């Protein structure tokens, strides 16, 4: 789905672009996609000379679920001393939190095509658990215990 865009980015930025064809949910539940992306990134970082890539200029990028995966890979590699450091991450409308689907951005964009709020939750549930039976509970925000909601409220809240 992204080959044309990747070719455009490679051509316009005069860069090497590696697109990872990771396993998809619901057939392959979490963490399959993450493991695929991490494995591909590790392989690439370990073989940069083979690809003619400057180790100081490696960036990960992703959109939607791929943005989530790019962020997770970046976090996993952040403390690694035996690999080149990632220069940056580019996250395009990433799914980064599942604590509260009632934050202002979800409310403001709840009816914006292509990814309606309910659909975002539906896909998130498929990705994480391969099951959408608690969709309404997640939309209401009752899937998070009060103590956990309080613990993370300084990072995930409307304020």
N, C-alpha and C. Protein backbone atom coordinates (compact mmCIF):
# COMPACT_ATOMS: atom_id res chain seq x y z
N UNK A 1 0.81 -1.22 0.00
CA UNK A 1 0.00 0.00 0.00
C UNK A 1 0.85 1.27 0.00
N UNK A 2 2.08 1.19 0.42
CA UNK A 2 2.91 2.39 0.57
C UNK A 2 4.11 2.43 -0.38
N UNK A 3 4.17 1.50 -1.33
CA UNK A 3 5.35 1.43 -2.19
C UNK A 3 5.57 2.72 -2.97
N UNK A 4 4.52 3.28 -3.54
CA UNK A 4 4.67 4.51 -4.32
C UNK A 4 5.18 5.66 -3.45
N UNK A 5 4.63 5.79 -2.27
CA UNK A 5 5.07 6.84 -1.36
C UNK A 5 6.52 6.62 -0.94
N UNK A 6 6.89 5.40 -0.63
CA UNK A 6 8.27 5.10 -0.23
C UNK A 6 9.24 5.42 -1.36
N UNK A 7 8.87 5.07 -2.59
CA UNK A 7 9.74 5.39 -3.74
C UNK A 7 9.87 6.90 -3.90
N UNK A 8 8.77 7.62 -3.72
CA UNK A 8 8.80 9.08 -3.81
C UNK A 8 9.73 9.67 -2.75
N UNK A 9 9.58 9.21 -1.51
CA UNK A 9 10.42 9.71 -0.42
C UNK A 9 11.89 9.41 -0.67
N UNK A 10 12.19 8.22 -1.14
CA UNK A 10 13.58 7.85 -1.43
C UNK A 10 14.16 8.74 -2.52
N UNK A 11 13.38 8.94 -3.58
CA UNK A 11 13.84 9.75 -4.70
C UNK A 11 14.04 11.21 -4.30
N UNK A 12 13.05 11.79 -3.64
CA UNK A 12 13.09 13.22 -3.30
C UNK A 12 14.11 13.54 -2.21
N UNK A 13 14.33 12.61 -1.30
CA UNK A 13 15.27 12.87 -0.20
C UNK A 13 16.64 12.26 -0.47
N UNK A 14 16.77 11.58 -1.60
CA UNK A 14 18.01 10.89 -1.94
C UNK A 14 18.45 10.00 -0.78
N UNK A 15 17.50 9.20 -0.33
CA UNK A 15 17.72 8.33 0.83
C UNK A 15 17.41 6.89 0.49
N UNK A 16 17.90 6.01 1.34
CA UNK A 16 17.50 4.61 1.28
C UNK A 16 16.25 4.49 2.14
N UNK A 17 15.19 3.94 1.58
CA UNK A 17 13.95 3.74 2.33
C UNK A 17 13.68 2.24 2.40
N UNK A 18 13.50 1.75 3.60
CA UNK A 18 13.19 0.33 3.81
C UNK A 18 11.78 0.27 4.36
N UNK A 19 10.92 -0.42 3.66
CA UNK A 19 9.54 -0.58 4.10
C UNK A 19 9.35 -2.00 4.60
N UNK A 20 8.89 -2.14 5.83
CA UNK A 20 8.75 -3.45 6.45
C UNK A 20 7.34 -3.98 6.22
N UNK A 21 7.24 -5.13 5.60
CA UNK A 21 5.95 -5.80 5.41
C UNK A 21 5.66 -6.68 6.61
N UNK A 22 5.20 -6.08 7.68
CA UNK A 22 4.98 -6.81 8.92
C UNK A 22 3.66 -7.60 8.89
N UNK A 23 3.60 -8.63 9.73
CA UNK A 23 2.39 -9.45 9.83
C UNK A 23 1.25 -8.62 10.41
N UNK A 24 0.05 -8.86 9.90
CA UNK A 24 -1.11 -8.04 10.24
C UNK A 24 -2.08 -8.76 11.17
N UNK A 25 -2.74 -7.96 12.00
CA UNK A 25 -3.84 -8.44 12.84
C UNK A 25 -5.08 -8.52 11.96
N UNK A 26 -6.07 -9.29 12.26
CA UNK A 26 -6.20 -10.11 13.47
C UNK A 26 -5.56 -11.49 13.36
N UNK A 27 -5.10 -11.88 12.17
CA UNK A 27 -4.49 -13.21 12.03
C UNK A 27 -3.24 -13.35 12.89
N UNK A 28 -2.50 -12.26 13.01
CA UNK A 28 -1.26 -12.28 13.79
C UNK A 28 -1.39 -11.25 14.89
N UNK A 29 -1.62 -11.72 16.09
CA UNK A 29 -1.84 -10.84 17.23
C UNK A 29 -0.53 -10.20 17.70
N UNK A 30 -0.70 -9.13 18.47
CA UNK A 30 0.43 -8.48 19.12
C UNK A 30 1.19 -9.54 19.91
N UNK A 31 2.47 -9.56 19.88
CA UNK A 31 3.42 -8.57 19.37
C UNK A 31 4.02 -8.91 17.99
N UNK A 32 3.34 -9.68 17.16
CA UNK A 32 3.91 -10.13 15.88
C UNK A 32 4.40 -8.96 15.02
N UNK A 33 3.58 -7.95 14.82
CA UNK A 33 3.98 -6.82 13.97
C UNK A 33 5.18 -6.09 14.57
N UNK A 34 5.16 -5.88 15.87
CA UNK A 34 6.28 -5.23 16.56
C UNK A 34 7.57 -6.05 16.38
N UNK A 35 7.48 -7.35 16.58
CA UNK A 35 8.66 -8.21 16.45
C UNK A 35 9.22 -8.15 15.03
N UNK A 36 8.33 -8.14 14.03
CA UNK A 36 8.78 -8.04 12.64
C UNK A 36 9.52 -6.73 12.39
N UNK A 37 8.96 -5.63 12.87
CA UNK A 37 9.58 -4.31 12.67
C UNK A 37 10.90 -4.20 13.42
N UNK A 38 10.93 -4.68 14.64
CA UNK A 38 12.17 -4.63 15.42
C UNK A 38 13.25 -5.49 14.76
N UNK A 39 12.88 -6.68 14.33
CA UNK A 39 13.84 -7.57 13.67
C UNK A 39 14.40 -6.95 12.39
N UNK A 40 13.53 -6.36 11.57
CA UNK A 40 13.98 -5.73 10.33
C UNK A 40 14.89 -4.54 10.62
N UNK A 41 14.54 -3.75 11.63
CA UNK A 41 15.35 -2.57 11.99
C UNK A 41 16.71 -3.01 12.52
N UNK A 42 16.73 -4.01 13.37
CA UNK A 42 18.00 -4.52 13.90
C UNK A 42 18.88 -5.02 12.76
N UNK A 43 18.30 -5.79 11.85
CA UNK A 43 19.08 -6.30 10.71
C UNK A 43 19.65 -5.13 9.90
N UNK A 44 18.81 -4.15 9.62
CA UNK A 44 19.26 -2.99 8.85
C UNK A 44 20.40 -2.26 9.56
N UNK A 45 20.23 -1.99 10.84
CA UNK A 45 21.25 -1.27 11.60
C UNK A 45 22.57 -2.05 11.68
N UNK A 46 22.48 -3.36 11.70
CA UNK A 46 23.69 -4.19 11.78
C UNK A 46 24.39 -4.32 10.43
N UNK A 47 23.72 -3.93 9.34
CA UNK A 47 24.28 -4.09 8.00
C UNK A 47 24.25 -2.78 7.20
N UNK A 48 24.40 -1.66 7.86
CA UNK A 48 24.32 -0.36 7.20
C UNK A 48 25.38 -0.21 6.09
N UNK A 49 26.57 -0.72 6.33
CA UNK A 49 27.62 -0.60 5.32
C UNK A 49 27.22 -1.29 4.02
N UNK A 50 26.56 -2.42 4.14
CA UNK A 50 26.11 -3.17 2.96
C UNK A 50 25.16 -2.31 2.10
N UNK A 51 24.36 -1.49 2.77
CA UNK A 51 23.37 -0.66 2.06
C UNK A 51 23.91 0.74 1.74
N UNK A 52 25.13 1.03 2.16
CA UNK A 52 25.72 2.34 1.89
C UNK A 52 25.05 3.46 2.64
N UNK A 53 24.67 3.20 3.89
CA UNK A 53 23.92 4.17 4.70
C UNK A 53 24.81 4.72 5.81
N UNK A 54 24.78 6.03 5.97
CA UNK A 54 25.49 6.71 7.05
C UNK A 54 24.80 6.38 8.38
N UNK A 55 25.52 5.76 9.33
CA UNK A 55 24.92 5.38 10.60
C UNK A 55 24.33 6.54 11.39
N UNK A 56 24.77 7.76 11.12
CA UNK A 56 24.27 8.93 11.86
C UNK A 56 22.99 9.48 11.25
N UNK A 57 22.47 8.85 10.19
CA UNK A 57 21.32 9.43 9.51
C UNK A 57 20.14 8.47 9.38
N UNK A 58 20.01 7.52 10.29
CA UNK A 58 18.92 6.54 10.22
C UNK A 58 17.71 7.07 10.99
N UNK A 59 16.57 7.05 10.31
CA UNK A 59 15.30 7.52 10.88
C UNK A 59 14.27 6.43 10.71
N UNK A 60 13.40 6.26 11.69
CA UNK A 60 12.26 5.36 11.52
C UNK A 60 11.01 6.20 11.33
N UNK A 61 10.08 5.66 10.57
CA UNK A 61 8.87 6.42 10.23
C UNK A 61 7.70 5.45 10.11
N UNK A 62 6.52 5.95 10.39
CA UNK A 62 5.33 5.14 10.19
C UNK A 62 4.08 5.97 10.33
N UNK A 63 3.02 5.49 9.72
CA UNK A 63 1.72 6.16 9.85
C UNK A 63 0.72 5.18 10.43
N UNK A 64 -0.21 5.70 11.22
CA UNK A 64 -1.26 4.91 11.85
C UNK A 64 -0.64 3.82 12.72
N UNK A 65 -0.97 2.56 12.47
CA UNK A 65 -0.38 1.47 13.25
C UNK A 65 1.13 1.44 13.05
N UNK A 66 1.59 1.80 11.86
CA UNK A 66 3.03 1.87 11.60
C UNK A 66 3.70 2.94 12.43
N UNK A 67 2.98 4.01 12.75
CA UNK A 67 3.51 5.05 13.64
C UNK A 67 3.70 4.50 15.04
N UNK A 68 2.75 3.70 15.47
CA UNK A 68 2.86 3.04 16.77
C UNK A 68 4.08 2.13 16.77
N UNK A 69 4.25 1.37 15.69
CA UNK A 69 5.38 0.44 15.61
C UNK A 69 6.71 1.17 15.55
N UNK A 70 6.77 2.27 14.81
CA UNK A 70 8.00 3.07 14.75
C UNK A 70 8.36 3.61 16.13
N UNK A 71 7.37 4.08 16.87
CA UNK A 71 7.62 4.59 18.23
C UNK A 71 8.10 3.47 19.14
N UNK A 72 7.48 2.30 19.05
CA UNK A 72 7.88 1.18 19.90
C UNK A 72 9.30 0.72 19.58
N UNK A 73 9.64 0.65 18.30
CA UNK A 73 10.99 0.27 17.90
C UNK A 73 11.99 1.31 18.42
N UNK A 74 11.66 2.59 18.28
CA UNK A 74 12.54 3.66 18.77
C UNK A 74 12.79 3.52 20.27
N UNK A 75 11.74 3.25 21.01
CA UNK A 75 11.89 3.09 22.46
C UNK A 75 12.75 1.88 22.80
N UNK A 76 12.55 0.80 22.05
CA UNK A 76 13.31 -0.42 22.31
C UNK A 76 14.80 -0.23 22.06
N UNK A 77 15.13 0.59 21.07
CA UNK A 77 16.53 0.78 20.70
C UNK A 77 17.20 1.96 21.41
N UNK A 78 16.43 2.74 22.14
CA UNK A 78 16.94 3.98 22.74
C UNK A 78 18.16 3.77 23.63
N UNK A 79 18.21 2.71 24.37
CA UNK A 79 19.33 2.49 25.30
C UNK A 79 20.42 1.59 24.76
N UNK A 80 20.33 1.20 23.51
CA UNK A 80 21.29 0.26 22.94
C UNK A 80 22.63 0.94 22.67
N UNK A 81 23.69 0.38 23.23
CA UNK A 81 25.01 0.96 23.03
C UNK A 81 25.80 0.27 21.92
N UNK A 82 25.32 -0.88 21.44
CA UNK A 82 26.04 -1.62 20.42
C UNK A 82 25.52 -1.37 19.00
N UNK A 83 24.57 -0.48 18.86
CA UNK A 83 24.01 -0.14 17.54
C UNK A 83 24.05 1.37 17.33
N UNK A 84 24.04 1.80 16.08
CA UNK A 84 23.94 3.25 15.84
C UNK A 84 22.63 3.80 16.42
N UNK A 85 22.70 5.01 16.94
CA UNK A 85 21.49 5.66 17.48
C UNK A 85 20.61 6.12 16.34
N UNK A 86 19.32 6.00 16.52
CA UNK A 86 18.39 6.54 15.54
C UNK A 86 18.46 8.06 15.59
N UNK A 87 18.47 8.67 14.42
CA UNK A 87 18.54 10.14 14.37
C UNK A 87 17.20 10.76 14.73
N UNK A 88 16.12 10.12 14.27
CA UNK A 88 14.79 10.69 14.50
C UNK A 88 13.73 9.62 14.28
N UNK A 89 12.54 9.97 14.69
CA UNK A 89 11.37 9.18 14.36
C UNK A 89 10.33 10.12 13.78
N UNK A 90 9.65 9.65 12.75
CA UNK A 90 8.58 10.43 12.14
C UNK A 90 7.30 9.63 12.34
N UNK A 91 6.38 10.20 13.10
CA UNK A 91 5.14 9.51 13.44
C UNK A 91 3.97 10.29 12.85
N UNK A 92 3.28 9.67 11.89
CA UNK A 92 2.17 10.30 11.20
C UNK A 92 0.88 9.68 11.71
N UNK A 93 0.06 10.48 12.35
CA UNK A 93 -1.17 10.07 13.06
C UNK A 93 -1.03 8.69 13.70
N UNK A 94 -0.04 8.55 14.60
CA UNK A 94 0.18 7.24 15.23
C UNK A 94 -0.83 6.94 16.32
N UNK A 95 -1.07 5.68 16.54
CA UNK A 95 -1.86 5.25 17.69
C UNK A 95 -0.90 5.03 18.84
N UNK A 96 -0.88 5.94 19.79
CA UNK A 96 0.11 5.86 20.86
C UNK A 96 -0.45 5.59 22.25
N UNK A 97 -1.73 5.73 22.41
CA UNK A 97 -2.28 5.46 23.74
C UNK A 97 -3.67 4.85 23.61
N UNK A 98 -3.98 3.97 24.53
CA UNK A 98 -5.29 3.31 24.53
C UNK A 98 -5.97 3.44 25.88
N UNK A 99 -5.51 4.43 26.67
CA UNK A 99 -6.12 4.64 27.97
C UNK A 99 -7.43 5.40 27.85
N UNK A 100 -7.48 6.36 26.93
CA UNK A 100 -8.65 7.23 26.87
C UNK A 100 -8.95 7.63 25.43
N UNK A 101 -10.02 7.08 24.90
CA UNK A 101 -10.45 7.42 23.54
C UNK A 101 -11.49 8.54 23.56
N UNK A 102 -11.54 9.27 24.67
CA UNK A 102 -12.47 10.40 24.79
C UNK A 102 -11.74 11.73 24.95
N UNK A 103 -10.45 11.74 24.68
CA UNK A 103 -9.68 12.98 24.75
C UNK A 103 -10.14 13.92 23.63
N UNK A 104 -9.85 15.21 23.75
CA UNK A 104 -10.33 16.19 22.77
C UNK A 104 -10.03 15.84 21.32
N UNK A 105 -8.86 15.32 21.02
CA UNK A 105 -8.54 15.01 19.62
C UNK A 105 -9.46 13.92 19.08
N UNK A 106 -9.79 12.93 19.92
CA UNK A 106 -10.73 11.89 19.47
C UNK A 106 -12.12 12.47 19.29
N UNK A 107 -12.52 13.38 20.17
CA UNK A 107 -13.84 13.98 20.06
C UNK A 107 -13.92 14.89 18.83
N UNK A 108 -12.90 15.71 18.62
CA UNK A 108 -12.89 16.64 17.49
C UNK A 108 -12.85 15.92 16.15
N UNK A 109 -12.22 14.76 16.11
CA UNK A 109 -12.04 14.04 14.85
C UNK A 109 -12.86 12.76 14.78
N UNK A 110 -13.84 12.61 15.65
CA UNK A 110 -14.60 11.37 15.73
C UNK A 110 -15.33 11.02 14.45
N UNK A 111 -15.68 11.99 13.63
CA UNK A 111 -16.40 11.72 12.40
C UNK A 111 -15.61 12.00 11.14
N UNK A 112 -14.30 12.15 11.28
CA UNK A 112 -13.47 12.46 10.12
C UNK A 112 -13.13 11.17 9.38
N UNK A 113 -13.52 11.11 8.10
CA UNK A 113 -13.14 9.91 7.34
C UNK A 113 -11.63 9.87 7.23
N UNK A 114 -11.14 8.93 7.22
CA UNK A 114 -11.13 7.54 7.00
C UNK A 114 -11.16 6.75 8.30
N UNK A 115 -10.67 7.35 9.35
CA UNK A 115 -10.52 6.59 10.58
C UNK A 115 -11.39 7.20 11.68
N UNK A 116 -12.67 6.86 11.65
CA UNK A 116 -13.60 7.31 12.67
C UNK A 116 -13.16 6.78 14.04
N UNK A 117 -13.57 7.46 15.09
CA UNK A 117 -13.18 7.10 16.45
C UNK A 117 -13.48 5.63 16.75
N UNK A 118 -14.69 5.19 16.44
CA UNK A 118 -15.07 3.81 16.72
C UNK A 118 -14.20 2.83 15.93
N UNK A 119 -13.87 3.20 14.71
CA UNK A 119 -13.03 2.33 13.88
C UNK A 119 -11.61 2.27 14.44
N UNK A 120 -11.12 3.39 14.95
CA UNK A 120 -9.78 3.41 15.55
C UNK A 120 -9.73 2.44 16.74
N UNK A 121 -10.75 2.46 17.57
CA UNK A 121 -10.81 1.55 18.71
C UNK A 121 -10.93 0.11 18.23
N UNK A 122 -11.78 -0.12 17.24
CA UNK A 122 -11.98 -1.46 16.68
C UNK A 122 -10.65 -2.04 16.20
N UNK A 123 -9.90 -1.26 15.42
CA UNK A 123 -8.61 -1.74 14.90
C UNK A 123 -7.59 -1.91 16.02
N UNK A 124 -7.62 -1.01 16.99
CA UNK A 124 -6.70 -1.13 18.13
C UNK A 124 -6.93 -2.43 18.89
N UNK A 125 -8.20 -2.76 19.09
CA UNK A 125 -8.52 -4.00 19.81
C UNK A 125 -8.11 -5.23 19.01
N UNK A 126 -8.32 -5.18 17.70
CA UNK A 126 -7.87 -6.29 16.85
C UNK A 126 -6.36 -6.46 16.96
N UNK A 127 -5.66 -5.35 16.96
CA UNK A 127 -4.19 -5.37 17.01
C UNK A 127 -3.70 -5.95 18.33
N UNK A 128 -4.27 -5.49 19.42
CA UNK A 128 -3.78 -5.89 20.74
C UNK A 128 -4.26 -7.27 21.15
N UNK A 129 -5.55 -7.56 20.94
CA UNK A 129 -6.06 -8.82 21.47
C UNK A 129 -6.76 -9.70 20.45
N UNK A 130 -6.94 -9.22 19.22
CA UNK A 130 -7.59 -10.04 18.20
C UNK A 130 -9.06 -10.26 18.46
N UNK A 131 -9.64 -9.42 19.29
CA UNK A 131 -11.03 -9.59 19.72
C UNK A 131 -11.61 -8.21 20.02
N UNK A 132 -12.82 -7.94 19.57
CA UNK A 132 -13.43 -6.63 19.79
C UNK A 132 -14.65 -6.70 20.71
N UNK A 133 -14.74 -7.76 21.51
CA UNK A 133 -15.92 -7.95 22.35
C UNK A 133 -16.11 -6.83 23.38
N UNK A 134 -15.07 -6.14 23.77
CA UNK A 134 -15.21 -5.07 24.77
C UNK A 134 -15.13 -3.68 24.14
N UNK A 135 -15.54 -3.55 22.89
CA UNK A 135 -15.49 -2.28 22.16
C UNK A 135 -16.22 -1.17 22.90
N UNK A 136 -17.45 -1.41 23.32
CA UNK A 136 -18.23 -0.37 24.01
C UNK A 136 -17.58 0.03 25.33
N UNK A 137 -17.05 -0.92 26.05
CA UNK A 137 -16.37 -0.64 27.31
C UNK A 137 -15.17 0.29 27.07
N UNK A 138 -14.42 0.05 26.02
CA UNK A 138 -13.25 0.87 25.71
C UNK A 138 -13.69 2.26 25.27
N UNK A 139 -14.73 2.35 24.46
CA UNK A 139 -15.23 3.66 24.02
C UNK A 139 -15.70 4.49 25.21
N UNK A 140 -16.28 3.85 26.20
CA UNK A 140 -16.74 4.55 27.40
C UNK A 140 -15.58 4.90 28.33
N UNK A 141 -14.48 4.20 28.20
CA UNK A 141 -13.33 4.43 29.07
C UNK A 141 -13.36 3.60 30.33
N UNK A 142 -14.26 2.64 30.40
CA UNK A 142 -14.37 1.83 31.62
C UNK A 142 -13.46 0.60 31.60
N UNK A 143 -12.59 0.50 30.61
CA UNK A 143 -11.66 -0.62 30.53
C UNK A 143 -10.40 -0.40 31.36
N UNK A 144 -10.23 0.79 31.90
CA UNK A 144 -9.04 1.12 32.69
C UNK A 144 -9.44 1.24 34.16
N UNK A 145 -8.79 0.50 35.03
CA UNK A 145 -9.10 0.61 36.46
C UNK A 145 -8.81 2.03 36.96
N UNK A 146 -9.60 2.53 37.90
CA UNK A 146 -9.42 3.90 38.41
C UNK A 146 -8.01 4.21 38.90
N UNK A 147 -7.36 3.25 39.56
CA UNK A 147 -6.01 3.53 40.06
C UNK A 147 -5.01 3.71 38.91
N UNK A 148 -5.19 2.97 37.84
CA UNK A 148 -4.30 3.14 36.68
C UNK A 148 -4.58 4.45 35.97
N UNK A 149 -5.86 4.80 35.84
CA UNK A 149 -6.23 6.07 35.22
C UNK A 149 -5.60 7.23 36.00
N UNK A 150 -5.66 7.18 37.31
CA UNK A 150 -5.07 8.22 38.16
C UNK A 150 -3.55 8.26 37.98
N UNK A 151 -2.92 7.09 37.94
CA UNK A 151 -1.47 7.01 37.81
C UNK A 151 -0.97 7.69 36.53
N UNK A 152 -1.70 7.51 35.43
CA UNK A 152 -1.24 8.03 34.14
C UNK A 152 -1.92 9.34 33.74
N UNK A 153 -2.74 9.90 34.59
CA UNK A 153 -3.51 11.09 34.22
C UNK A 153 -2.64 12.32 33.93
N UNK A 154 -1.45 12.39 34.52
CA UNK A 154 -0.62 13.56 34.22
C UNK A 154 -0.04 13.49 32.80
N UNK A 155 -0.04 12.31 32.16
CA UNK A 155 0.45 12.17 30.80
C UNK A 155 -0.69 12.03 29.79
N UNK A 156 -1.78 11.44 30.22
CA UNK A 156 -2.90 11.19 29.31
C UNK A 156 -4.16 11.83 29.90
N UNK A 157 -4.38 13.08 29.53
CA UNK A 157 -5.57 13.78 30.00
C UNK A 157 -5.82 14.97 29.09
N UNK A 158 -7.01 15.54 29.17
CA UNK A 158 -7.34 16.71 28.38
C UNK A 158 -6.51 17.93 28.78
N UNK A 159 -6.07 17.97 30.03
CA UNK A 159 -5.25 19.09 30.49
C UNK A 159 -3.86 19.00 29.91
